[in-house]
Amino acid sequence: GGVDDLVKSWNWRDDFLEYKSELKGHQLGIVSVTINSAGTVAASSSLDSTIKLWDLDSSKQIKSIDAGPVDCWSVAFSPDGQYIGSGSHSGKINLFGIES
């Protein structure tokens, strides 16, 4: 992700990194991107205070989570993949259920 509001997806095949797609949906710069343990879903956080979930096979947005008026400076999946944790510059951590 970057200041262009895009998350870019890449594939690693035969020792070669291949550009796959742009994931569009954020309104402000991307500050963090993570991938679940299965490698099938990405989560991105942005200065627009949203967390977006992306299906990496189809390059489609699965879900948008409004994180409210908090800074989403980092995101991470829980080990079981059922939750997204988001951290702010003030040290606050928020947990969001993937299914809720």
PDB file of N, CA and C in Angstrom:
ATOM      1  N   GLY A   1       0.817  -1.187   0.000  1.00  0.00           N
ATOM      2  CA  GLY A   1       0.000   0.000   0.000  1.00  0.00           C
ATOM      3  C   GLY A   1       0.860   1.249   0.000  1.00  0.00           C
ATOM      4  N   GLY A   2       0.246   2.359  -0.335  1.00  0.00           N
ATOM      5  CA  GLY A   2       1.001   3.593  -0.374  1.00  0.00           C
ATOM      6  C   GLY A   2       0.120   4.819  -0.338  1.00  0.00           C
ATOM      7  N   VAL A   3       0.730   5.961  -0.571  1.00  0.00           N
ATOM      8  CA  VAL A   3       0.015   7.232  -0.527  1.00  0.00           C
ATOM      9  C   VAL A   3      -0.929   7.411  -1.715  1.00  0.00           C
ATOM     10  N   ASP A   4      -0.878   6.507  -2.682  1.00  0.00           N
ATOM     11  CA  ASP A   4      -1.777   6.592  -3.833  1.00  0.00           C
ATOM     12  C   ASP A   4      -3.131   5.928  -3.570  1.00  0.00           C
ATOM     13  N   ASP A   5      -3.409   5.543  -2.318  1.00  0.00           N
ATOM     14  CA  ASP A   5      -4.678   4.943  -1.888  1.00  0.00           C
ATOM     15  C   ASP A   5      -4.893   3.532  -2.422  1.00  0.00           C
ATOM     16  N   LEU A   6      -3.871   2.892  -2.948  1.00  0.00           N
ATOM     17  CA  LEU A   6      -4.000   1.568  -3.549  1.00  0.00           C
ATOM     18  C   LEU A   6      -3.214   0.524  -2.767  1.00  0.00           C
ATOM     19  N   VAL A   7      -3.766  -0.683  -2.731  1.00  0.00           N
ATOM     20  CA  VAL A   7      -3.033  -1.852  -2.259  1.00  0.00           C
ATOM     21  C   VAL A   7      -2.663  -2.621  -3.513  1.00  0.00           C
ATOM     22  N   LYS A   8      -1.409  -2.972  -3.648  1.00  0.00           N
ATOM     23  CA  LYS A   8      -0.968  -3.700  -4.837  1.00  0.00           C
ATOM     24  C   LYS A   8      -0.674  -5.142  -4.466  1.00  0.00           C
ATOM     25  N   SER A   9      -1.155  -6.047  -5.303  1.00  0.00           N
ATOM     26  CA  SER A   9      -1.031  -7.482  -5.063  1.00  0.00           C
ATOM     27  C   SER A   9      -0.016  -8.077  -6.031  1.00  0.00           C
ATOM     28  N   TRP A  10       0.814  -8.974  -5.495  1.00  0.00           N
ATOM     29  CA  TRP A  10       1.863  -9.608  -6.285  1.00  0.00           C
ATOM     30  C   TRP A  10       1.817 -11.111  -6.077  1.00  0.00           C
ATOM     31  N   ASN A  11       2.241 -11.884  -7.053  1.00  0.00           N
ATOM     32  CA  ASN A  11       2.377 -13.341  -6.945  1.00  0.00           C
ATOM     33  C   ASN A  11       3.846 -13.715  -7.015  1.00  0.00           C
ATOM     34  N   TRP A  12       4.218 -14.710  -6.233  1.00  0.00           N
ATOM     35  CA  TRP A  12       5.574 -15.255  -6.287  1.00  0.00           C
ATOM     36  C   TRP A  12       5.482 -16.612  -6.965  1.00  0.00           C
ATOM     37  N   ARG A  13       6.063 -16.724  -8.166  1.00  0.00           N
ATOM     38  CA  ARG A  13       6.014 -17.972  -8.935  1.00  0.00           C
ATOM     39  C   ARG A  13       7.371 -18.228  -9.562  1.00  0.00           C
ATOM     40  N   ASP A  14       7.829 -19.458  -9.422  1.00  0.00           N
ATOM     41  CA  ASP A  14       9.079 -19.875 -10.073  1.00  0.00           C
ATOM     42  C   ASP A  14      10.218 -18.885  -9.832  1.00  0.00           C
ATOM     43  N   ASP A  15      10.380 -18.474  -8.581  1.00  0.00           N
ATOM     44  CA  ASP A  15      11.440 -17.535  -8.190  1.00  0.00           C
ATOM     45  C   ASP A  15      11.330 -16.186  -8.894  1.00  0.00           C
ATOM     46  N   PHE A  16      10.111 -15.807  -9.253  1.00  0.00           N
ATOM     47  CA  PHE A  16       9.888 -14.537  -9.930  1.00  0.00           C
ATOM     48  C   PHE A  16       8.693 -13.836  -9.301  1.00  0.00           C
ATOM     49  N   LEU A  17       8.833 -12.557  -9.004  1.00  0.00           N
ATOM     50  CA  LEU A  17       7.752 -11.751  -8.458  1.00  0.00           C
ATOM     51  C   LEU A  17       6.974 -11.135  -9.612  1.00  0.00           C
ATOM     52  N   GLU A  18       5.665 -11.424  -9.637  1.00  0.00           N
ATOM     53  CA  GLU A  18       4.811 -11.010 -10.749  1.00  0.00           C
ATOM     54  C   GLU A  18       3.680 -10.109 -10.234  1.00  0.00           C
ATOM     55  N   TYR A  19       3.552  -8.921 -10.815  1.00  0.00           N
ATOM     56  CA  TYR A  19       2.473  -8.002 -10.441  1.00  0.00           C
ATOM     57  C   TYR A  19       1.134  -8.610 -10.813  1.00  0.00           C
ATOM     58  N   LYS A  20       0.160  -8.558  -9.866  1.00  0.00           N
ATOM     59  CA  LYS A  20      -1.152  -9.138 -10.123  1.00  0.00           C
ATOM     60  C   LYS A  20      -2.235  -8.077 -10.321  1.00  0.00           C
ATOM     61  N   SER A  21      -2.449  -7.220  -9.300  1.00  0.00           N
ATOM     62  CA  SER A  21      -3.563  -6.276  -9.414  1.00  0.00           C
ATOM     63  C   SER A  21      -3.455  -5.135  -8.413  1.00  0.00           C
ATOM     64  N   GLU A  22      -4.294  -4.129  -8.635  1.00  0.00           N
ATOM     65  CA  GLU A  22      -4.475  -3.029  -7.701  1.00  0.00           C
ATOM     66  C   GLU A  22      -5.800  -3.234  -6.993  1.00  0.00           C
ATOM     67  N   LEU A  23      -5.786  -3.095  -5.679  1.00  0.00           N
ATOM     68  CA  LEU A  23      -7.003  -3.228  -4.885  1.00  0.00           C
ATOM     69  C   LEU A  23      -7.436  -1.818  -4.500  1.00  0.00           C
ATOM     70  N   LYS A  24      -8.567  -1.386  -5.073  1.00  0.00           N
ATOM     71  CA  LYS A  24      -9.022  -0.009  -4.916  1.00  0.00           C
ATOM     72  C   LYS A  24     -10.206   0.063  -3.964  1.00  0.00           C
ATOM     73  N   GLY A  25     -10.221   1.111  -3.139  1.00  0.00           N
ATOM     74  CA  GLY A  25     -11.356   1.308  -2.251  1.00  0.00           C
ATOM     75  C   GLY A  25     -11.095   2.301  -1.134  1.00  0.00           C
ATOM     76  N   HIS A  26      -9.843   2.480  -0.757  1.00  0.00           N
ATOM     77  CA  HIS A  26      -9.527   3.450   0.283  1.00  0.00           C
ATOM     78  C   HIS A  26      -9.579   4.864  -0.290  1.00  0.00           C
ATOM     79  N   GLN A  27      -9.855   5.823   0.591  1.00  0.00           N
ATOM     80  CA  GLN A  27      -9.950   7.224   0.184  1.00  0.00           C
ATOM     81  C   GLN A  27      -8.710   8.041   0.521  1.00  0.00           C
ATOM     82  N   LEU A  28      -7.864   7.500   1.392  1.00  0.00           N
ATOM     83  CA  LEU A  28      -6.614   8.166   1.769  1.00  0.00           C
ATOM     84  C   LEU A  28      -5.506   7.123   1.812  1.00  0.00           C
ATOM     85  N   GLY A  29      -4.288   7.550   2.028  1.00  0.00           N
ATOM     86  CA  GLY A  29      -3.126   6.673   1.966  1.00  0.00           C
ATOM     87  C   GLY A  29      -3.200   5.433   2.838  1.00  0.00           C
ATOM     88  N   ILE A  30      -2.619   4.356   2.345  1.00  0.00           N
ATOM     89  CA  ILE A  30      -2.553   3.078   3.049  1.00  0.00           C
ATOM     90  C   ILE A  30      -1.376   3.126   4.017  1.00  0.00           C
ATOM     91  N   VAL A  31      -1.597   2.674   5.250  1.00  0.00           N
ATOM     92  CA  VAL A  31      -0.510   2.690   6.223  1.00  0.00           C
ATOM     93  C   VAL A  31      -0.073   1.300   6.663  1.00  0.00           C
ATOM     94  N   SER A  32      -0.903   0.274   6.430  1.00  0.00           N
ATOM     95  CA  SER A  32      -0.531  -1.074   6.846  1.00  0.00           C
ATOM     96  C   SER A  32      -1.287  -2.109   6.020  1.00  0.00           C
ATOM     97  N   VAL A  33      -0.601  -3.197   5.713  1.00  0.00           N
ATOM     98  CA  VAL A  33      -1.216  -4.315   4.996  1.00  0.00           C
ATOM     99  C   VAL A  33      -0.718  -5.604   5.640  1.00  0.00           C
ATOM    100  N   THR A  34      -1.610  -6.569   5.786  1.00  0.00           N
ATOM    101  CA  THR A  34      -1.240  -7.886   6.303  1.00  0.00           C
ATOM    102  C   THR A  34      -2.024  -8.955   5.548  1.00  0.00           C
ATOM    103  N   ILE A  35      -1.545 -10.181   5.624  1.00  0.00           N
ATOM    104  CA  ILE A  35      -2.179 -11.312   4.936  1.00  0.00           C
ATOM    105  C   ILE A  35      -2.456 -12.400   5.960  1.00  0.00           C
ATOM    106  N   ASN A  36      -3.614 -13.072   5.835  1.00  0.00           N
ATOM    107  CA  ASN A  36      -3.940 -14.141   6.778  1.00  0.00           C
ATOM    108  C   ASN A  36      -2.994 -15.326   6.591  1.00  0.00           C
ATOM    109  N   SER A  37      -3.022 -16.244   7.543  1.00  0.00           N
ATOM    110  CA  SER A  37      -2.069 -17.360   7.517  1.00  0.00           C
ATOM    111  C   SER A  37      -2.263 -18.285   6.325  1.00  0.00           C
ATOM    112  N   ALA A  38      -3.471 -18.341   5.764  1.00  0.00           N
ATOM    113  CA  ALA A  38      -3.728 -19.173   4.587  1.00  0.00           C
ATOM    114  C   ALA A  38      -3.259 -18.505   3.299  1.00  0.00           C
ATOM    115  N   GLY A  39      -2.970 -17.197   3.364  1.00  0.00           N
ATOM    116  CA  GLY A  39      -2.539 -16.466   2.183  1.00  0.00           C
ATOM    117  C   GLY A  39      -3.657 -16.129   1.220  1.00  0.00           C
ATOM    118  N   THR A  40      -4.898 -16.151   1.708  1.00  0.00           N
ATOM    119  CA  THR A  40      -6.052 -15.941   0.824  1.00  0.00           C
ATOM    120  C   THR A  40      -6.732 -14.587   1.001  1.00  0.00           C
ATOM    121  N   VAL A  41      -6.524 -13.965   2.161  1.00  0.00           N
ATOM    122  CA  VAL A  41      -7.191 -12.697   2.466  1.00  0.00           C
ATOM    123  C   VAL A  41      -6.149 -11.688   2.953  1.00  0.00           C
ATOM    124  N   ALA A  42      -6.252 -10.475   2.435  1.00  0.00           N
ATOM    125  CA  ALA A  42      -5.409  -9.375   2.905  1.00  0.00           C
ATOM    126  C   ALA A  42      -6.285  -8.388   3.664  1.00  0.00           C
ATOM    127  N   ALA A  43      -5.691  -7.706   4.622  1.00  0.00           N
ATOM    128  CA  ALA A  43      -6.350  -6.610   5.328  1.00  0.00           C
ATOM    129  C   ALA A  43      -5.475  -5.378   5.168  1.00  0.00           C
ATOM    130  N   SER A  44      -6.112  -4.242   4.926  1.00  0.00           N
ATOM    131  CA  SER A  44      -5.367  -2.987   4.793  1.00  0.00           C
ATOM    132  C   SER A  44      -6.003  -1.932   5.678  1.00  0.00           C
ATOM    133  N   SER A  45      -5.161  -1.070   6.236  1.00  0.00           N
ATOM    134  CA  SER A  45      -5.665   0.063   7.007  1.00  0.00           C
ATOM    135  C   SER A  45      -5.205   1.340   6.322  1.00  0.00           C
ATOM    136  N   SER A  46      -6.002   2.384   6.530  1.00  0.00           N
ATOM    137  CA  SER A  46      -5.768   3.622   5.803  1.00  0.00           C
ATOM    138  C   SER A  46      -5.999   4.824   6.698  1.00  0.00           C
ATOM    139  N   LEU A  47      -5.485   5.949   6.258  1.00  0.00           N
ATOM    140  CA  LEU A  47      -5.738   7.216   6.946  1.00  0.00           C
ATOM    141  C   LEU A  47      -7.209   7.623   6.871  1.00  0.00           C
ATOM    142  N   ASP A  48      -8.017   6.934   6.050  1.00  0.00           N
ATOM    143  CA  ASP A  48      -9.455   7.209   5.989  1.00  0.00           C
ATOM    144  C   ASP A  48     -10.223   6.531   7.129  1.00  0.00           C
ATOM    145  N   SER A  49      -9.506   5.923   8.091  1.00  0.00           N
ATOM    146  CA  SER A  49     -10.078   5.253   9.271  1.00  0.00           C
ATOM    147  C   SER A  49     -10.907   4.026   8.923  1.00  0.00           C
ATOM    148  N   THR A  50     -10.562   3.369   7.829  1.00  0.00           N
ATOM    149  CA  THR A  50     -11.221   2.105   7.501  1.00  0.00           C
ATOM    150  C   THR A  50     -10.192   0.987   7.404  1.00  0.00           C
ATOM    151  N   ILE A  51     -10.685  -0.212   7.654  1.00  0.00           N
ATOM    152  CA  ILE A  51      -9.921  -1.433   7.418  1.00  0.00           C
ATOM    153  C   ILE A  51     -10.683  -2.181   6.342  1.00  0.00           C
ATOM    154  N   LYS A  52      -9.996  -2.565   5.301  1.00  0.00           N
ATOM    155  CA  LYS A  52     -10.641  -3.293   4.207  1.00  0.00           C
ATOM    156  C   LYS A  52     -10.056  -4.691   4.132  1.00  0.00           C
ATOM    157  N   LEU A  53     -10.942  -5.659   3.868  1.00  0.00           N
ATOM    158  CA  LEU A  53     -10.540  -7.044   3.664  1.00  0.00           C
ATOM    159  C   LEU A  53     -10.671  -7.368   2.189  1.00  0.00           C
ATOM    160  N   TRP A  54      -9.675  -8.067   1.657  1.00  0.00           N
ATOM    161  CA  TRP A  54      -9.589  -8.337   0.228  1.00  0.00           C
ATOM    162  C   TRP A  54      -9.412  -9.837  -0.026  1.00  0.00           C
ATOM    163  N   ASP A  55     -10.173 -10.370  -0.966  1.00  0.00           N
ATOM    164  CA  ASP A  55      -9.963 -11.740  -1.439  1.00  0.00           C
ATOM    165  C   ASP A  55      -8.814 -11.680  -2.438  1.00  0.00           C
ATOM    166  N   LEU A  56      -7.713 -12.339  -2.125  1.00  0.00           N
ATOM    167  CA  LEU A  56      -6.532 -12.230  -2.983  1.00  0.00           C
ATOM    168  C   LEU A  56      -6.643 -13.028  -4.277  1.00  0.00           C
ATOM    169  N   ASP A  57      -7.514 -14.039  -4.321  1.00  0.00           N
ATOM    170  CA  ASP A  57      -7.696 -14.779  -5.569  1.00  0.00           C
ATOM    171  C   ASP A  57      -8.458 -13.966  -6.604  1.00  0.00           C
ATOM    172  N   SER A  58      -9.543 -13.307  -6.167  1.00  0.00           N
ATOM    173  CA  SER A  58     -10.382 -12.548  -7.100  1.00  0.00           C
ATOM    174  C   SER A  58     -10.013 -11.064  -7.162  1.00  0.00           C
ATOM    175  N   SER A  59      -9.186 -10.591  -6.228  1.00  0.00           N
ATOM    176  CA  SER A  59      -8.828  -9.170  -6.116  1.00  0.00           C
ATOM    177  C   SER A  59     -10.046  -8.297  -5.825  1.00  0.00           C
ATOM    178  N   LYS A  60     -11.038  -8.851  -5.145  1.00  0.00           N
ATOM    179  CA  LYS A  60     -12.262  -8.115  -4.798  1.00  0.00           C
ATOM    180  C   LYS A  60     -12.278  -7.791  -3.309  1.00  0.00           C
ATOM    181  N   GLN A  61     -12.906  -6.663  -2.979  1.00  0.00           N
ATOM    182  CA  GLN A  61     -13.086  -6.300  -1.581  1.00  0.00           C
ATOM    183  C   GLN A  61     -14.149  -7.198  -0.964  1.00  0.00           C
ATOM    184  N   ILE A  62     -13.847  -7.771   0.191  1.00  0.00           N
ATOM    185  CA  ILE A  62     -14.780  -8.637   0.909  1.00  0.00           C
ATOM    186  C   ILE A  62     -15.603  -7.819   1.897  1.00  0.00           C
ATOM    187  N   LYS A  63     -14.929  -6.908   2.582  1.00  0.00           N
ATOM    188  CA  LYS A  63     -15.576  -6.183   3.678  1.00  0.00           C
ATOM    189  C   LYS A  63     -14.845  -4.875   3.938  1.00  0.00           C
ATOM    190  N   SER A  64     -15.597  -3.895   4.424  1.00  0.00           N
ATOM    191  CA  SER A  64     -15.020  -2.642   4.880  1.00  0.00           C
ATOM    192  C   SER A  64     -15.456  -2.435   6.324  1.00  0.00           C
ATOM    193  N   ILE A  65     -14.505  -2.193   7.207  1.00  0.00           N
ATOM    194  CA  ILE A  65     -14.778  -1.982   8.620  1.00  0.00           C
ATOM    195  C   ILE A  65     -14.496  -0.521   8.943  1.00  0.00           C
ATOM    196  N   ASP A  66     -15.510   0.173   9.447  1.00  0.00           N
ATOM    197  CA  ASP A  66     -15.325   1.554   9.861  1.00  0.00           C
ATOM    198  C   ASP A  66     -14.698   1.536  11.244  1.00  0.00           C
ATOM    199  N   ALA A  67     -13.460   1.946  11.334  1.00  0.00           N
ATOM    200  CA  ALA A  67     -12.748   1.926  12.609  1.00  0.00           C
ATOM    201  C   ALA A  67     -13.053   3.161  13.442  1.00  0.00           C
ATOM    202  N   GLY A  68     -13.954   4.006  12.972  1.00  0.00           N
ATOM    203  CA  GLY A  68     -14.334   5.190  13.724  1.00  0.00           C
ATOM    204  C   GLY A  68     -13.227   6.235  13.726  1.00  0.00           C
ATOM    205  N   PRO A  69     -13.341   7.186  14.616  1.00  0.00           N
ATOM    206  CA  PRO A  69     -12.351   8.275  14.625  1.00  0.00           C
ATOM    207  C   PRO A  69     -11.062   7.880  15.350  1.00  0.00           C
ATOM    208  N   VAL A  70     -10.509   6.754  14.952  1.00  0.00           N
ATOM    209  CA  VAL A  70      -9.237   6.310  15.540  1.00  0.00           C
ATOM    210  C   VAL A  70      -8.210   6.157  14.430  1.00  0.00           C
ATOM    211  N   ASP A  71      -6.987   6.209  14.805  1.00  0.00           N
ATOM    212  CA  ASP A  71      -5.915   6.006  13.843  1.00  0.00           C
ATOM    213  C   ASP A  71      -5.690   4.514  13.663  1.00  0.00           C
ATOM    214  N   CYS A  72      -5.694   4.056  12.444  1.00  0.00           N
ATOM    215  CA  CYS A  72      -5.422   2.650  12.129  1.00  0.00           C
ATOM    216  C   CYS A  72      -4.017   2.562  11.548  1.00  0.00           C
ATOM    217  N   TRP A  73      -3.014   2.607  12.408  1.00  0.00           N
ATOM    218  CA  TRP A  73      -1.640   2.632  11.929  1.00  0.00           C
ATOM    219  C   TRP A  73      -1.093   1.247  11.632  1.00  0.00           C
ATOM    220  N   SER A  74      -1.697   0.225  12.193  1.00  0.00           N
ATOM    221  CA  SER A  74      -1.224  -1.138  11.910  1.00  0.00           C
ATOM    222  C   SER A  74      -2.404  -2.087  11.986  1.00  0.00           C
ATOM    223  N   VAL A  75      -2.316  -3.176  11.223  1.00  0.00           N
ATOM    224  CA  VAL A  75      -3.330  -4.225  11.281  1.00  0.00           C
ATOM    225  C   VAL A  75      -2.642  -5.578  11.309  1.00  0.00           C
ATOM    226  N   ALA A  76      -3.311  -6.538  11.955  1.00  0.00           N
ATOM    227  CA  ALA A  76      -2.800  -7.902  12.013  1.00  0.00           C
ATOM    228  C   ALA A  76      -3.964  -8.856  12.214  1.00  0.00           C
ATOM    229  N   PHE A  77      -3.875 -10.032  11.609  1.00  0.00           N
ATOM    230  CA  PHE A  77      -4.866 -11.081  11.823  1.00  0.00           C
ATOM    231  C   PHE A  77      -4.553 -11.814  13.120  1.00  0.00           C
ATOM    232  N   SER A  78      -5.592 -12.258  13.811  1.00  0.00           N
ATOM    233  CA  SER A  78      -5.397 -13.145  14.954  1.00  0.00           C
ATOM    234  C   SER A  78      -4.908 -14.488  14.416  1.00  0.00           C
ATOM    235  N   PRO A  79      -4.276 -15.315  15.250  1.00  0.00           N
ATOM    236  CA  PRO A  79      -3.770 -16.609  14.770  1.00  0.00           C
ATOM    237  C   PRO A  79      -4.845 -17.492  14.122  1.00  0.00           C
ATOM    238  N   ASP A  80      -6.098 -17.409  14.623  1.00  0.00           N
ATOM    239  CA  ASP A  80      -7.168 -18.226  14.036  1.00  0.00           C
ATOM    240  C   ASP A  80      -7.840 -17.553  12.840  1.00  0.00           C
ATOM    241  N   GLY A  81      -7.434 -16.317  12.511  1.00  0.00           N
ATOM    242  CA  GLY A  81      -7.974 -15.615  11.357  1.00  0.00           C
ATOM    243  C   GLY A  81      -9.375 -15.069  11.539  1.00  0.00           C
ATOM    244  N   GLN A  82      -9.915 -15.119  12.758  1.00  0.00           N
ATOM    245  CA  GLN A  82     -11.284 -14.671  13.002  1.00  0.00           C
ATOM    246  C   GLN A  82     -11.384 -13.199  13.393  1.00  0.00           C
ATOM    247  N   TYR A  83     -10.245 -12.591  13.724  1.00  0.00           N
ATOM    248  CA  TYR A  83     -10.232 -11.205  14.182  1.00  0.00           C
ATOM    249  C   TYR A  83      -9.120 -10.431  13.488  1.00  0.00           C
ATOM    250  N   ILE A  84      -9.356  -9.119  13.422  1.00  0.00           N
ATOM    251  CA  ILE A  84      -8.330  -8.185  12.962  1.00  0.00           C
ATOM    252  C   ILE A  84      -8.028  -7.272  14.149  1.00  0.00           C
ATOM    253  N   GLY A  85      -6.765  -7.132  14.445  1.00  0.00           N
ATOM    254  CA  GLY A  85      -6.345  -6.177  15.447  1.00  0.00           C
ATOM    255  C   GLY A  85      -5.795  -4.949  14.752  1.00  0.00           C
ATOM    256  N   SER A  86      -6.126  -3.787  15.291  1.00  0.00           N
ATOM    257  CA  SER A  86      -5.631  -2.533  14.716  1.00  0.00           C
ATOM    258  C   SER A  86      -5.022  -1.705  15.835  1.00  0.00           C
ATOM    259  N   GLY A  87      -3.865  -1.121  15.555  1.00  0.00           N
ATOM    260  CA  GLY A  87      -3.177  -0.321  16.555  1.00  0.00           C
ATOM    261  C   GLY A  87      -3.068   1.128  16.120  1.00  0.00           C
ATOM    262  N   SER A  88      -3.108   2.032  17.100  1.00  0.00           N
ATOM    263  CA  SER A  88      -3.015   3.459  16.814  1.00  0.00           C
ATOM    264  C   SER A  88      -1.683   4.012  17.310  1.00  0.00           C
ATOM    265  N   HIS A  89      -1.368   5.236  16.902  1.00  0.00           N
ATOM    266  CA  HIS A  89      -0.126   5.855  17.345  1.00  0.00           C
ATOM    267  C   HIS A  89      -0.147   6.171  18.838  1.00  0.00           C
ATOM    268  N   SER A  90      -1.328   6.226  19.444  1.00  0.00           N
ATOM    269  CA  SER A  90      -1.434   6.494  20.883  1.00  0.00           C
ATOM    270  C   SER A  90      -1.324   5.224  21.718  1.00  0.00           C
ATOM    271  N   GLY A  91      -1.215   4.065  21.051  1.00  0.00           N
ATOM    272  CA  GLY A  91      -1.071   2.800  21.762  1.00  0.00           C
ATOM    273  C   GLY A  91      -2.372   2.046  21.959  1.00  0.00           C
ATOM    274  N   LYS A  92      -3.475   2.562  21.474  1.00  0.00           N
ATOM    275  CA  LYS A  92      -4.766   1.902  21.607  1.00  0.00           C
ATOM    276  C   LYS A  92      -4.864   0.756  20.600  1.00  0.00           C
ATOM    277  N   ILE A  93      -5.406  -0.366  21.064  1.00  0.00           N
ATOM    278  CA  ILE A  93      -5.608  -1.536  20.195  1.00  0.00           C
ATOM    279  C   ILE A  93      -7.102  -1.810  20.111  1.00  0.00           C
ATOM    280  N   ASN A  94      -7.594  -2.008  18.901  1.00  0.00           N
ATOM    281  CA  ASN A  94      -8.989  -2.361  18.672  1.00  0.00           C
ATOM    282  C   ASN A  94      -9.045  -3.729  18.021  1.00  0.00           C
ATOM    283  N   LEU A  95     -10.029  -4.534  18.405  1.00  0.00           N
ATOM    284  CA  LEU A  95     -10.253  -5.841  17.792  1.00  0.00           C
ATOM    285  C   LEU A  95     -11.585  -5.821  17.069  1.00  0.00           C
ATOM    286  N   PHE A  96     -11.587  -6.364  15.848  1.00  0.00           N
ATOM    287  CA  PHE A  96     -12.799  -6.433  15.044  1.00  0.00           C
ATOM    288  C   PHE A  96     -12.991  -7.870  14.588  1.00  0.00           C
ATOM    289  N   GLY A  97     -14.221  -8.387  14.732  1.00  0.00           N
ATOM    290  CA  GLY A  97     -14.536  -9.718  14.240  1.00  0.00           C
ATOM    291  C   GLY A  97     -14.662  -9.692  12.726  1.00  0.00           C
ATOM    292  N   ILE A  98     -14.073 -10.670  12.082  1.00  0.00           N
ATOM    293  CA  ILE A  98     -14.142 -10.753  10.617  1.00  0.00           C
ATOM    294  C   ILE A  98     -15.570 -10.996  10.157  1.00  0.00           C
ATOM    295  N   GLU A  99     -16.300 -11.833  10.857  1.00  0.00           N
ATOM    296  CA  GLU A  99     -17.666 -12.197  10.445  1.00  0.00           C
ATOM    297  C   GLU A  99     -18.722 -11.211  10.909  1.00  0.00           C
ATOM    298  N   SER A 100     -18.418 -10.376  11.883  1.00  0.00           N
ATOM    299  CA  SER A 100     -19.454  -9.480  12.419  1.00  0.00           C
ATOM    300  C   SER A 100     -19.496  -8.149  11.690  1.00  0.00           C
TER     301      SER A 100
END
